[in-house]
Amino acid sequence: MDENTTLNQENLNETQEKKTVELPALDFFKINFISFLVPLYICLGFFLLFEYGIINIFFSFDSIFHFIMLPVVLFLLYYIYLILLVEFAALWVRRWNKKSPPQQGVFSRVLDDVDSPEGKMMKYYHKRGFIIKFPMWLTSKSPFPWLVNRTLKRIGHNKIGKNVIYCDGYVGLEFTDLGDNVFFYPTAGLSSHAVNTIFGKITMIEVKIGRNTTFYPGDITGPNALTTDDNVIFPNTVLHKNWRGKPGKFYYQGSPGRPIEIKHIKNEPS
């Protein structure tokens, strides 16, 4: 019994080792060099043009004026770098989408057969997830937080309305449809994909959020969840996969999210 148990465990470990997600070294180099470094070199070229072309050749500015202008120029170049970074990453994603368009549904999580239809789909799904993470992190930590929405729309084919604000939370990288004036407090998050078992099925279905919806801290929203307009999701609420609210109800709390009543107390005159 002990030997059989040991052999079974070894076979299980070997199977699990084969089913890992790896990005080929060549793809890793191309993605990082073209998407992340080329915009940096372009901005470096603009900086050198400013330093040696405009300042030293065409104008004879005082050194004080130069030091005043330098922070402004660096700030502007940082913004240009973020824009170029997003656009170069979006070029890769558009190229991948022609080979394997993003699909919604429940699929087998095939990791060891990239030639099969679902294996190919999972391959490009993981590539999209890899390339968007660095632009997402950099724009979210930058002085230009509105670029987060640009990143999600350009790279992650998300639909994002006007005045959608993510605080320091967890964004949906793809397959999200957010109406106007949606607000996410810190630590709130949503995800359009969920792994049903460790190497079994994966669900990828769009999350749709109605207009004027507010997510408080600790809220979690899963694939195919749907909120209507003017919903308020109170702290630590779980909108699980395929979640739906109740007609005419706007306030939700709990795990899973259930409608609650809000009593409005009028101040009596003293």
C-alpha atoms as a PDB file:
ATOM      1  CA  MET A   1       0.000   0.000   0.000  1.00  0.00           C
ATOM      2  CA  ASP A   2       2.792   2.431   0.876  1.00  0.00           C
ATOM      3  CA  GLU A   3       4.607   1.793  -2.430  1.00  0.00           C
ATOM      4  CA  ASN A   4       1.421   2.221  -4.451  1.00  0.00           C
ATOM      5  CA  THR A   5       0.611   5.422  -2.615  1.00  0.00           C
ATOM      6  CA  THR A   6       4.101   6.730  -3.290  1.00  0.00           C
ATOM      7  CA  LEU A   7       3.883   5.886  -7.005  1.00  0.00           C
ATOM      8  CA  ASN A   8       0.490   7.511  -7.323  1.00  0.00           C
ATOM      9  CA  GLN A   9       1.784  10.632  -5.607  1.00  0.00           C
ATOM     10  CA  GLU A  10       4.800  10.761  -7.926  1.00  0.00           C
ATOM     11  CA  ASN A  11       2.571  10.409 -11.007  1.00  0.00           C
ATOM     12  CA  LEU A  12       0.306  13.157  -9.701  1.00  0.00           C
ATOM     13  CA  ASN A  13       3.282  15.447  -9.115  1.00  0.00           C
ATOM     14  CA  GLU A  14       4.603  14.773 -12.636  1.00  0.00           C
ATOM     15  CA  THR A  15       1.194  15.578 -14.125  1.00  0.00           C
ATOM     16  CA  GLN A  16       0.953  18.800 -12.154  1.00  0.00           C
ATOM     17  CA  GLU A  17       4.479  19.833 -13.167  1.00  0.00           C
ATOM     18  CA  LYS A  18       3.566  19.465 -16.846  1.00  0.00           C
ATOM     19  CA  LYS A  19       0.453  21.614 -16.452  1.00  0.00           C
ATOM     20  CA  THR A  20       2.140  24.892 -15.691  1.00  0.00           C
ATOM     21  CA  VAL A  21       1.774  28.198 -17.495  1.00  0.00           C
ATOM     22  CA  GLU A  22       5.047  29.295 -19.066  1.00  0.00           C
ATOM     23  CA  LEU A  23       5.761  32.133 -21.452  1.00  0.00           C
ATOM     24  CA  PRO A  24       8.401  31.176 -24.067  1.00  0.00           C
ATOM     25  CA  ALA A  25      11.670  33.034 -23.617  1.00  0.00           C
ATOM     26  CA  LEU A  26      11.515  34.547 -27.117  1.00  0.00           C
ATOM     27  CA  ASP A  27       7.999  35.871 -26.564  1.00  0.00           C
ATOM     28  CA  PHE A  28       9.037  37.224 -23.180  1.00  0.00           C
ATOM     29  CA  PHE A  29      11.956  39.092 -24.779  1.00  0.00           C
ATOM     30  CA  LYS A  30       9.887  40.467 -27.662  1.00  0.00           C
ATOM     31  CA  ILE A  31       7.056  41.637 -25.430  1.00  0.00           C
ATOM     32  CA  ASN A  32       9.346  43.342 -22.948  1.00  0.00           C
ATOM     33  CA  PHE A  33      11.682  44.890 -25.514  1.00  0.00           C
ATOM     34  CA  ILE A  34       9.142  46.159 -28.006  1.00  0.00           C
ATOM     35  CA  SER A  35       6.306  47.069 -25.658  1.00  0.00           C
ATOM     36  CA  PHE A  36       8.176  48.337 -22.620  1.00  0.00           C
ATOM     37  CA  LEU A  37      11.638  49.448 -23.767  1.00  0.00           C
ATOM     38  CA  VAL A  38      10.978  51.023 -27.174  1.00  0.00           C
ATOM     39  CA  PRO A  39       8.694  53.718 -25.670  1.00  0.00           C
ATOM     40  CA  LEU A  40      11.416  54.376 -23.124  1.00  0.00           C
ATOM     41  CA  TYR A  41      14.009  54.866 -25.863  1.00  0.00           C
ATOM     42  CA  ILE A  42      11.649  57.206 -27.734  1.00  0.00           C
ATOM     43  CA  CYS A  43      11.219  59.345 -24.617  1.00  0.00           C
ATOM     44  CA  LEU A  44      14.964  59.284 -24.036  1.00  0.00           C
ATOM     45  CA  GLY A  45      15.418  60.607 -27.574  1.00  0.00           C
ATOM     46  CA  PHE A  46      12.972  63.447 -26.847  1.00  0.00           C
ATOM     47  CA  PHE A  47      14.904  64.242 -23.685  1.00  0.00           C
ATOM     48  CA  LEU A  48      18.231  64.392 -25.521  1.00  0.00           C
ATOM     49  CA  LEU A  49      16.623  66.578 -28.184  1.00  0.00           C
ATOM     50  CA  PHE A  50      15.490  68.956 -25.454  1.00  0.00           C
ATOM     51  CA  GLU A  51      18.838  68.977 -23.681  1.00  0.00           C
ATOM     52  CA  TYR A  52      21.212  69.323 -26.605  1.00  0.00           C
ATOM     53  CA  GLY A  53      19.067  70.481 -29.493  1.00  0.00           C
ATOM     54  CA  ILE A  54      16.663  73.076 -28.180  1.00  0.00           C
ATOM     55  CA  ILE A  55      18.534  74.354 -25.116  1.00  0.00           C
ATOM     56  CA  ASN A  56      22.133  74.437 -26.319  1.00  0.00           C
ATOM     57  CA  ILE A  57      21.758  75.082 -30.052  1.00  0.00           C
ATOM     58  CA  PHE A  58      18.586  77.019 -30.822  1.00  0.00           C
ATOM     59  CA  PHE A  59      18.292  79.039 -27.612  1.00  0.00           C
ATOM     60  CA  SER A  60      20.665  80.506 -25.111  1.00  0.00           C
ATOM     61  CA  PHE A  61      18.702  80.071 -21.905  1.00  0.00           C
ATOM     62  CA  ASP A  62      20.140  80.758 -18.507  1.00  0.00           C
ATOM     63  CA  SER A  63      20.888  77.724 -16.349  1.00  0.00           C
ATOM     64  CA  ILE A  64      18.182  78.795 -13.877  1.00  0.00           C
ATOM     65  CA  PHE A  65      15.525  78.660 -16.586  1.00  0.00           C
ATOM     66  CA  HIS A  66      16.863  75.269 -17.629  1.00  0.00           C
ATOM     67  CA  PHE A  67      16.461  73.868 -14.122  1.00  0.00           C
ATOM     68  CA  ILE A  68      12.939  75.300 -13.961  1.00  0.00           C
ATOM     69  CA  MET A  69      11.991  73.679 -17.258  1.00  0.00           C
ATOM     70  CA  LEU A  70      13.618  70.305 -16.579  1.00  0.00           C
ATOM     71  CA  PRO A  71      10.991  68.957 -14.100  1.00  0.00           C
ATOM     72  CA  VAL A  72       8.192  70.024 -16.455  1.00  0.00           C
ATOM     73  CA  VAL A  73       9.849  68.254 -19.377  1.00  0.00           C
ATOM     74  CA  LEU A  74      10.455  65.077 -17.348  1.00  0.00           C
ATOM     75  CA  PHE A  75       6.843  65.096 -16.149  1.00  0.00           C
ATOM     76  CA  LEU A  76       5.624  65.452 -19.732  1.00  0.00           C
ATOM     77  CA  LEU A  77       7.941  62.697 -20.954  1.00  0.00           C
ATOM     78  CA  TYR A  78       6.620  60.379 -18.224  1.00  0.00           C
ATOM     79  CA  TYR A  79       3.101  60.967 -19.520  1.00  0.00           C
ATOM     80  CA  ILE A  80       4.209  60.355 -23.114  1.00  0.00           C
ATOM     81  CA  TYR A  81       5.936  57.127 -22.039  1.00  0.00           C
ATOM     82  CA  LEU A  82       2.750  55.812 -20.446  1.00  0.00           C
ATOM     83  CA  ILE A  83       0.713  56.609 -23.565  1.00  0.00           C
ATOM     84  CA  LEU A  84       3.252  54.905 -25.831  1.00  0.00           C
ATOM     85  CA  LEU A  85       3.494  51.928 -23.475  1.00  0.00           C
ATOM     86  CA  VAL A  86      -0.267  51.383 -23.624  1.00  0.00           C
ATOM     87  CA  GLU A  87      -0.381  51.757 -27.409  1.00  0.00           C
ATOM     88  CA  PHE A  88       2.522  49.384 -28.061  1.00  0.00           C
ATOM     89  CA  ALA A  89       0.967  46.764 -25.775  1.00  0.00           C
ATOM     90  CA  ALA A  90      -2.372  47.252 -27.550  1.00  0.00           C
ATOM     91  CA  LEU A  91      -0.650  46.535 -30.884  1.00  0.00           C
ATOM     92  CA  TRP A  92       0.479  43.142 -29.567  1.00  0.00           C
ATOM     93  CA  VAL A  93      -2.994  42.328 -28.288  1.00  0.00           C
ATOM     94  CA  ARG A  94      -4.665  43.243 -31.592  1.00  0.00           C
ATOM     95  CA  ARG A  95      -2.187  40.972 -33.355  1.00  0.00           C
ATOM     96  CA  TRP A  96      -2.962  38.106 -30.965  1.00  0.00           C
ATOM     97  CA  ASN A  97      -6.709  38.667 -31.260  1.00  0.00           C
ATOM     98  CA  LYS A  98      -6.498  38.013 -35.012  1.00  0.00           C
ATOM     99  CA  LYS A  99      -4.940  34.623 -34.284  1.00  0.00           C
ATOM    100  CA  SER A 100      -7.264  33.766 -31.411  1.00  0.00           C
ATOM    101  CA  PRO A 101     -10.161  36.163 -30.716  1.00  0.00           C
ATOM    102  CA  PRO A 102     -11.186  36.443 -27.041  1.00  0.00           C
ATOM    103  CA  GLN A 103     -14.163  34.219 -26.299  1.00  0.00           C
ATOM    104  CA  GLN A 104     -16.703  34.035 -23.517  1.00  0.00           C
ATOM    105  CA  GLY A 105     -17.935  30.803 -21.975  1.00  0.00           C
ATOM    106  CA  VAL A 106     -16.805  27.847 -19.874  1.00  0.00           C
ATOM    107  CA  PHE A 107     -13.754  26.082 -21.297  1.00  0.00           C
ATOM    108  CA  SER A 108     -11.370  23.291 -20.438  1.00  0.00           C
ATOM    109  CA  ARG A 109      -8.210  24.720 -18.933  1.00  0.00           C
ATOM    110  CA  VAL A 110      -5.872  23.060 -21.433  1.00  0.00           C
ATOM    111  CA  LEU A 111      -2.245  23.969 -20.723  1.00  0.00           C
ATOM    112  CA  ASP A 112      -0.245  21.150 -22.295  1.00  0.00           C
ATOM    113  CA  ASP A 113      -1.706  21.038 -25.824  1.00  0.00           C
ATOM    114  CA  VAL A 114      -1.380  24.442 -27.479  1.00  0.00           C
ATOM    115  CA  ASP A 115      -2.403  23.002 -30.860  1.00  0.00           C
ATOM    116  CA  SER A 116      -5.937  22.183 -29.737  1.00  0.00           C
ATOM    117  CA  PRO A 117      -8.596  24.935 -30.081  1.00  0.00           C
ATOM    118  CA  GLU A 118      -8.973  25.422 -26.323  1.00  0.00           C
ATOM    119  CA  GLY A 119      -5.222  25.093 -25.775  1.00  0.00           C
ATOM    120  CA  LYS A 120      -4.603  27.864 -28.319  1.00  0.00           C
ATOM    121  CA  MET A 121      -7.262  30.024 -26.710  1.00  0.00           C
ATOM    122  CA  MET A 122      -5.706  29.546 -23.257  1.00  0.00           C
ATOM    123  CA  LYS A 123      -2.261  30.357 -24.645  1.00  0.00           C
ATOM    124  CA  TYR A 124      -3.352  33.780 -25.898  1.00  0.00           C
ATOM    125  CA  TYR A 125      -5.516  34.342 -22.833  1.00  0.00           C
ATOM    126  CA  HIS A 126      -2.417  34.066 -20.647  1.00  0.00           C
ATOM    127  CA  LYS A 127      -0.418  36.256 -23.036  1.00  0.00           C
ATOM    128  CA  ARG A 128      -3.032  39.000 -22.785  1.00  0.00           C
ATOM    129  CA  GLY A 129      -2.993  38.687 -19.022  1.00  0.00           C
ATOM    130  CA  PHE A 130       0.796  38.978 -18.979  1.00  0.00           C
ATOM    131  CA  ILE A 131       1.142  42.027 -21.197  1.00  0.00           C
ATOM    132  CA  ILE A 132      -1.511  44.161 -19.491  1.00  0.00           C
ATOM    133  CA  LYS A 133      -0.230  43.830 -15.933  1.00  0.00           C
ATOM    134  CA  PHE A 134       2.782  46.150 -16.156  1.00  0.00           C
ATOM    135  CA  PRO A 135       0.917  49.024 -17.904  1.00  0.00           C
ATOM    136  CA  MET A 136      -1.930  48.597 -15.404  1.00  0.00           C
ATOM    137  CA  TRP A 137       0.413  48.765 -12.423  1.00  0.00           C
ATOM    138  CA  LEU A 138       2.423  51.711 -13.778  1.00  0.00           C
ATOM    139  CA  THR A 139      -0.590  53.831 -14.751  1.00  0.00           C
ATOM    140  CA  SER A 140      -2.363  53.139 -11.449  1.00  0.00           C
ATOM    141  CA  LYS A 141       0.693  54.330  -9.490  1.00  0.00           C
ATOM    142  CA  SER A 142       1.337  57.333 -11.720  1.00  0.00           C
ATOM    143  CA  PRO A 143       0.145  60.941 -11.265  1.00  0.00           C
ATOM    144  CA  PHE A 144      -2.268  60.250 -14.142  1.00  0.00           C
ATOM    145  CA  PRO A 145      -4.775  57.723 -12.726  1.00  0.00           C
ATOM    146  CA  TRP A 146      -7.238  58.309 -15.571  1.00  0.00           C
ATOM    147  CA  LEU A 147      -4.841  56.342 -17.786  1.00  0.00           C
ATOM    148  CA  VAL A 148      -5.990  53.176 -16.001  1.00  0.00           C
ATOM    149  CA  ASN A 149      -9.245  53.328 -17.939  1.00  0.00           C
ATOM    150  CA  ARG A 150      -7.357  53.924 -21.182  1.00  0.00           C
ATOM    151  CA  THR A 151      -5.235  50.859 -20.471  1.00  0.00           C
ATOM    152  CA  LEU A 152      -8.285  48.702 -19.784  1.00  0.00           C
ATOM    153  CA  LYS A 153     -10.036  49.858 -22.951  1.00  0.00           C
ATOM    154  CA  ARG A 154      -7.070  49.764 -25.331  1.00  0.00           C
ATOM    155  CA  ILE A 155      -5.396  46.547 -24.139  1.00  0.00           C
ATOM    156  CA  GLY A 156      -8.135  44.625 -22.349  1.00  0.00           C
ATOM    157  CA  HIS A 157     -11.065  45.283 -24.761  1.00  0.00           C
ATOM    158  CA  ASN A 158     -13.183  46.486 -21.830  1.00  0.00           C
ATOM    159  CA  LYS A 159     -16.162  48.825 -22.144  1.00  0.00           C
ATOM    160  CA  ILE A 160     -15.831  51.683 -19.668  1.00  0.00           C
ATOM    161  CA  GLY A 161     -18.229  54.584 -19.416  1.00  0.00           C
ATOM    162  CA  LYS A 162     -17.611  58.166 -18.363  1.00  0.00           C
ATOM    163  CA  ASN A 163     -16.376  59.083 -14.891  1.00  0.00           C
ATOM    164  CA  VAL A 164     -15.529  55.508 -13.864  1.00  0.00           C
ATOM    165  CA  ILE A 165     -13.132  55.708 -10.924  1.00  0.00           C
ATOM    166  CA  TYR A 166     -10.961  52.896  -9.595  1.00  0.00           C
ATOM    167  CA  CYS A 167      -9.314  53.591  -6.284  1.00  0.00           C
ATOM    168  CA  ASP A 168      -6.562  51.242  -5.107  1.00  0.00           C
ATOM    169  CA  GLY A 169      -8.572  48.125  -5.929  1.00  0.00           C
ATOM    170  CA  TYR A 170      -8.554  45.121  -8.239  1.00  0.00           C
ATOM    171  CA  VAL A 171      -9.667  45.898 -11.767  1.00  0.00           C
ATOM    172  CA  GLY A 172     -11.221  43.508 -14.258  1.00  0.00           C
ATOM    173  CA  LEU A 173      -8.527  43.003 -16.889  1.00  0.00           C
ATOM    174  CA  GLU A 174     -10.943  41.983 -19.653  1.00  0.00           C
ATOM    175  CA  PHE A 175     -14.611  41.285 -20.379  1.00  0.00           C
ATOM    176  CA  THR A 176     -16.025  44.078 -18.243  1.00  0.00           C
ATOM    177  CA  ASP A 177     -18.783  46.499 -19.181  1.00  0.00           C
ATOM    178  CA  LEU A 178     -18.955  49.424 -16.756  1.00  0.00           C
ATOM    179  CA  GLY A 179     -21.624  52.097 -17.029  1.00  0.00           C
ATOM    180  CA  ASP A 180     -21.140  55.793 -16.328  1.00  0.00           C
ATOM    181  CA  ASN A 181     -20.243  57.028 -12.824  1.00  0.00           C
ATOM    182  CA  VAL A 182     -19.205  53.644 -11.382  1.00  0.00           C
ATOM    183  CA  PHE A 183     -17.018  54.029  -8.298  1.00  0.00           C
ATOM    184  CA  PHE A 184     -14.739  51.429  -6.687  1.00  0.00           C
ATOM    185  CA  TYR A 185     -13.451  52.042  -3.175  1.00  0.00           C
ATOM    186  CA  PRO A 186      -9.994  50.676  -2.229  1.00  0.00           C
ATOM    187  CA  THR A 187      -9.766  46.832  -2.064  1.00  0.00           C
ATOM    188  CA  ALA A 188     -12.969  46.361  -4.066  1.00  0.00           C
ATOM    189  CA  GLY A 189     -12.450  44.133  -7.073  1.00  0.00           C
ATOM    190  CA  LEU A 190     -14.058  42.304  -9.941  1.00  0.00           C
ATOM    191  CA  SER A 191     -12.994  39.466 -12.202  1.00  0.00           C
ATOM    192  CA  SER A 192     -14.502  38.154 -15.390  1.00  0.00           C
ATOM    193  CA  HIS A 193     -12.737  34.797 -15.081  1.00  0.00           C
ATOM    194  CA  ALA A 194     -12.748  32.065 -12.461  1.00  0.00           C
ATOM    195  CA  VAL A 195     -10.928  28.740 -12.345  1.00  0.00           C
ATOM    196  CA  ASN A 196     -13.495  26.129 -11.337  1.00  0.00           C
ATOM    197  CA  THR A 197     -10.933  23.478 -10.445  1.00  0.00           C
ATOM    198  CA  ILE A 198      -7.165  23.684 -10.299  1.00  0.00           C
ATOM    199  CA  PHE A 199      -6.739  22.120 -13.755  1.00  0.00           C
ATOM    200  CA  GLY A 200     -10.322  21.622 -14.862  1.00  0.00           C
ATOM    201  CA  LYS A 201     -12.625  24.284 -16.253  1.00  0.00           C
ATOM    202  CA  ILE A 202     -12.249  28.034 -16.507  1.00  0.00           C
ATOM    203  CA  THR A 203     -15.142  30.481 -16.776  1.00  0.00           C
ATOM    204  CA  MET A 204     -14.688  33.676 -18.805  1.00  0.00           C
ATOM    205  CA  ILE A 205     -17.896  35.715 -19.024  1.00  0.00           C
ATOM    206  CA  GLU A 206     -18.419  39.462 -19.071  1.00  0.00           C
ATOM    207  CA  VAL A 207     -19.177  41.352 -15.863  1.00  0.00           C
ATOM    208  CA  LYS A 208     -21.759  44.067 -16.458  1.00  0.00           C
ATOM    209  CA  ILE A 209     -22.112  46.952 -14.006  1.00  0.00           C
ATOM    210  CA  GLY A 210     -24.983  49.422 -14.288  1.00  0.00           C
ATOM    211  CA  ARG A 211     -24.638  53.188 -14.125  1.00  0.00           C
ATOM    212  CA  ASN A 212     -24.101  55.007 -10.807  1.00  0.00           C
ATOM    213  CA  THR A 213     -23.084  51.817  -8.995  1.00  0.00           C
ATOM    214  CA  THR A 214     -20.846  52.076  -5.925  1.00  0.00           C
ATOM    215  CA  PHE A 215     -18.620  49.273  -4.636  1.00  0.00           C
ATOM    216  CA  TYR A 216     -17.427  49.610  -1.053  1.00  0.00           C
ATOM    217  CA  PRO A 217     -14.147  48.155   0.342  1.00  0.00           C
ATOM    218  CA  GLY A 218     -13.813  44.391   0.342  1.00  0.00           C
ATOM    219  CA  ASP A 219     -16.441  43.757  -2.343  1.00  0.00           C
ATOM    220  CA  ILE A 220     -15.815  40.898  -4.777  1.00  0.00           C
ATOM    221  CA  THR A 221     -17.614  40.491  -8.098  1.00  0.00           C
ATOM    222  CA  GLY A 222     -17.345  37.337 -10.224  1.00  0.00           C
ATOM    223  CA  PRO A 223     -17.928  36.369 -13.864  1.00  0.00           C
ATOM    224  CA  ASN A 224     -21.340  37.060 -15.410  1.00  0.00           C
ATOM    225  CA  ALA A 225     -22.463  39.130 -12.416  1.00  0.00           C
ATOM    226  CA  LEU A 226     -24.908  41.867 -13.317  1.00  0.00           C
ATOM    227  CA  THR A 227     -25.859  44.975 -11.379  1.00  0.00           C
ATOM    228  CA  THR A 228     -28.542  47.402 -12.449  1.00  0.00           C
ATOM    229  CA  ASP A 229     -28.379  51.187 -12.298  1.00  0.00           C
ATOM    230  CA  ASP A 230     -27.983  52.977  -8.956  1.00  0.00           C
ATOM    231  CA  ASN A 231     -26.905  49.895  -6.994  1.00  0.00           C
ATOM    232  CA  VAL A 232     -24.913  50.287  -3.779  1.00  0.00           C
ATOM    233  CA  ILE A 233     -22.817  47.273  -2.788  1.00  0.00           C
ATOM    234  CA  PHE A 234     -21.896  47.611   0.878  1.00  0.00           C
ATOM    235  CA  PRO A 235     -18.537  46.460   2.357  1.00  0.00           C
ATOM    236  CA  ASN A 236     -17.371  42.823   2.246  1.00  0.00           C
ATOM    237  CA  THR A 237     -20.108  41.721  -0.138  1.00  0.00           C
ATOM    238  CA  VAL A 238     -19.666  38.877  -2.634  1.00  0.00           C
ATOM    239  CA  LEU A 239     -21.443  39.033  -5.972  1.00  0.00           C
ATOM    240  CA  HIS A 240     -20.663  35.484  -7.032  1.00  0.00           C
ATOM    241  CA  LYS A 241     -20.557  34.019 -10.517  1.00  0.00           C
ATOM    242  CA  ASN A 242     -23.857  34.579 -12.364  1.00  0.00           C
ATOM    243  CA  TRP A 243     -25.137  36.826  -9.542  1.00  0.00           C
ATOM    244  CA  ARG A 244     -28.343  38.758 -10.116  1.00  0.00           C
ATOM    245  CA  GLY A 245     -30.061  41.311  -7.918  1.00  0.00           C
ATOM    246  CA  LYS A 246     -33.744  41.620  -7.083  1.00  0.00           C
ATOM    247  CA  PRO A 247     -36.042  43.877  -9.122  1.00  0.00           C
ATOM    248  CA  GLY A 248     -36.509  47.244  -7.474  1.00  0.00           C
ATOM    249  CA  LYS A 249     -33.761  46.630  -4.897  1.00  0.00           C
ATOM    250  CA  PHE A 250     -30.709  48.895  -4.844  1.00  0.00           C
ATOM    251  CA  TYR A 251     -28.746  48.101  -1.654  1.00  0.00           C
ATOM    252  CA  TYR A 252     -26.896  44.802  -1.159  1.00  0.00           C
ATOM    253  CA  GLN A 253     -24.701  43.239   1.479  1.00  0.00           C
ATOM    254  CA  GLY A 254     -23.460  39.829   2.562  1.00  0.00           C
ATOM    255  CA  SER A 255     -22.021  36.686   1.019  1.00  0.00           C
ATOM    256  CA  PRO A 256     -23.692  36.227  -1.362  1.00  0.00           C
ATOM    257  CA  GLY A 257     -25.050  39.748  -1.779  1.00  0.00           C
ATOM    258  CA  ARG A 258     -28.634  40.040  -0.560  1.00  0.00           C
ATOM    259  CA  PRO A 259     -30.908  43.065  -0.686  1.00  0.00           C
ATOM    260  CA  ILE A 260     -31.156  45.141   2.475  1.00  0.00           C
ATOM    261  CA  GLU A 261     -33.460  47.988   3.434  1.00  0.00           C
ATOM    262  CA  ILE A 262     -32.105  51.459   4.209  1.00  0.00           C
ATOM    263  CA  LYS A 263     -34.209  53.479   6.599  1.00  0.00           C
ATOM    264  CA  HIS A 264     -34.076  57.216   6.102  1.00  0.00           C
ATOM    265  CA  ILE A 265     -34.446  59.019   9.395  1.00  0.00           C
ATOM    266  CA  LYS A 266     -35.754  62.558   9.181  1.00  0.00           C
ATOM    267  CA  ASN A 267     -34.381  65.074  11.613  1.00  0.00           C
ATOM    268  CA  GLU A 268     -37.208  66.455  13.698  1.00  0.00           C
ATOM    269  CA  PRO A 269     -37.131  70.167  14.408  1.00  0.00           C
ATOM    270  CA  SER A 270     -35.948  70.943  17.937  1.00  0.00           C
END
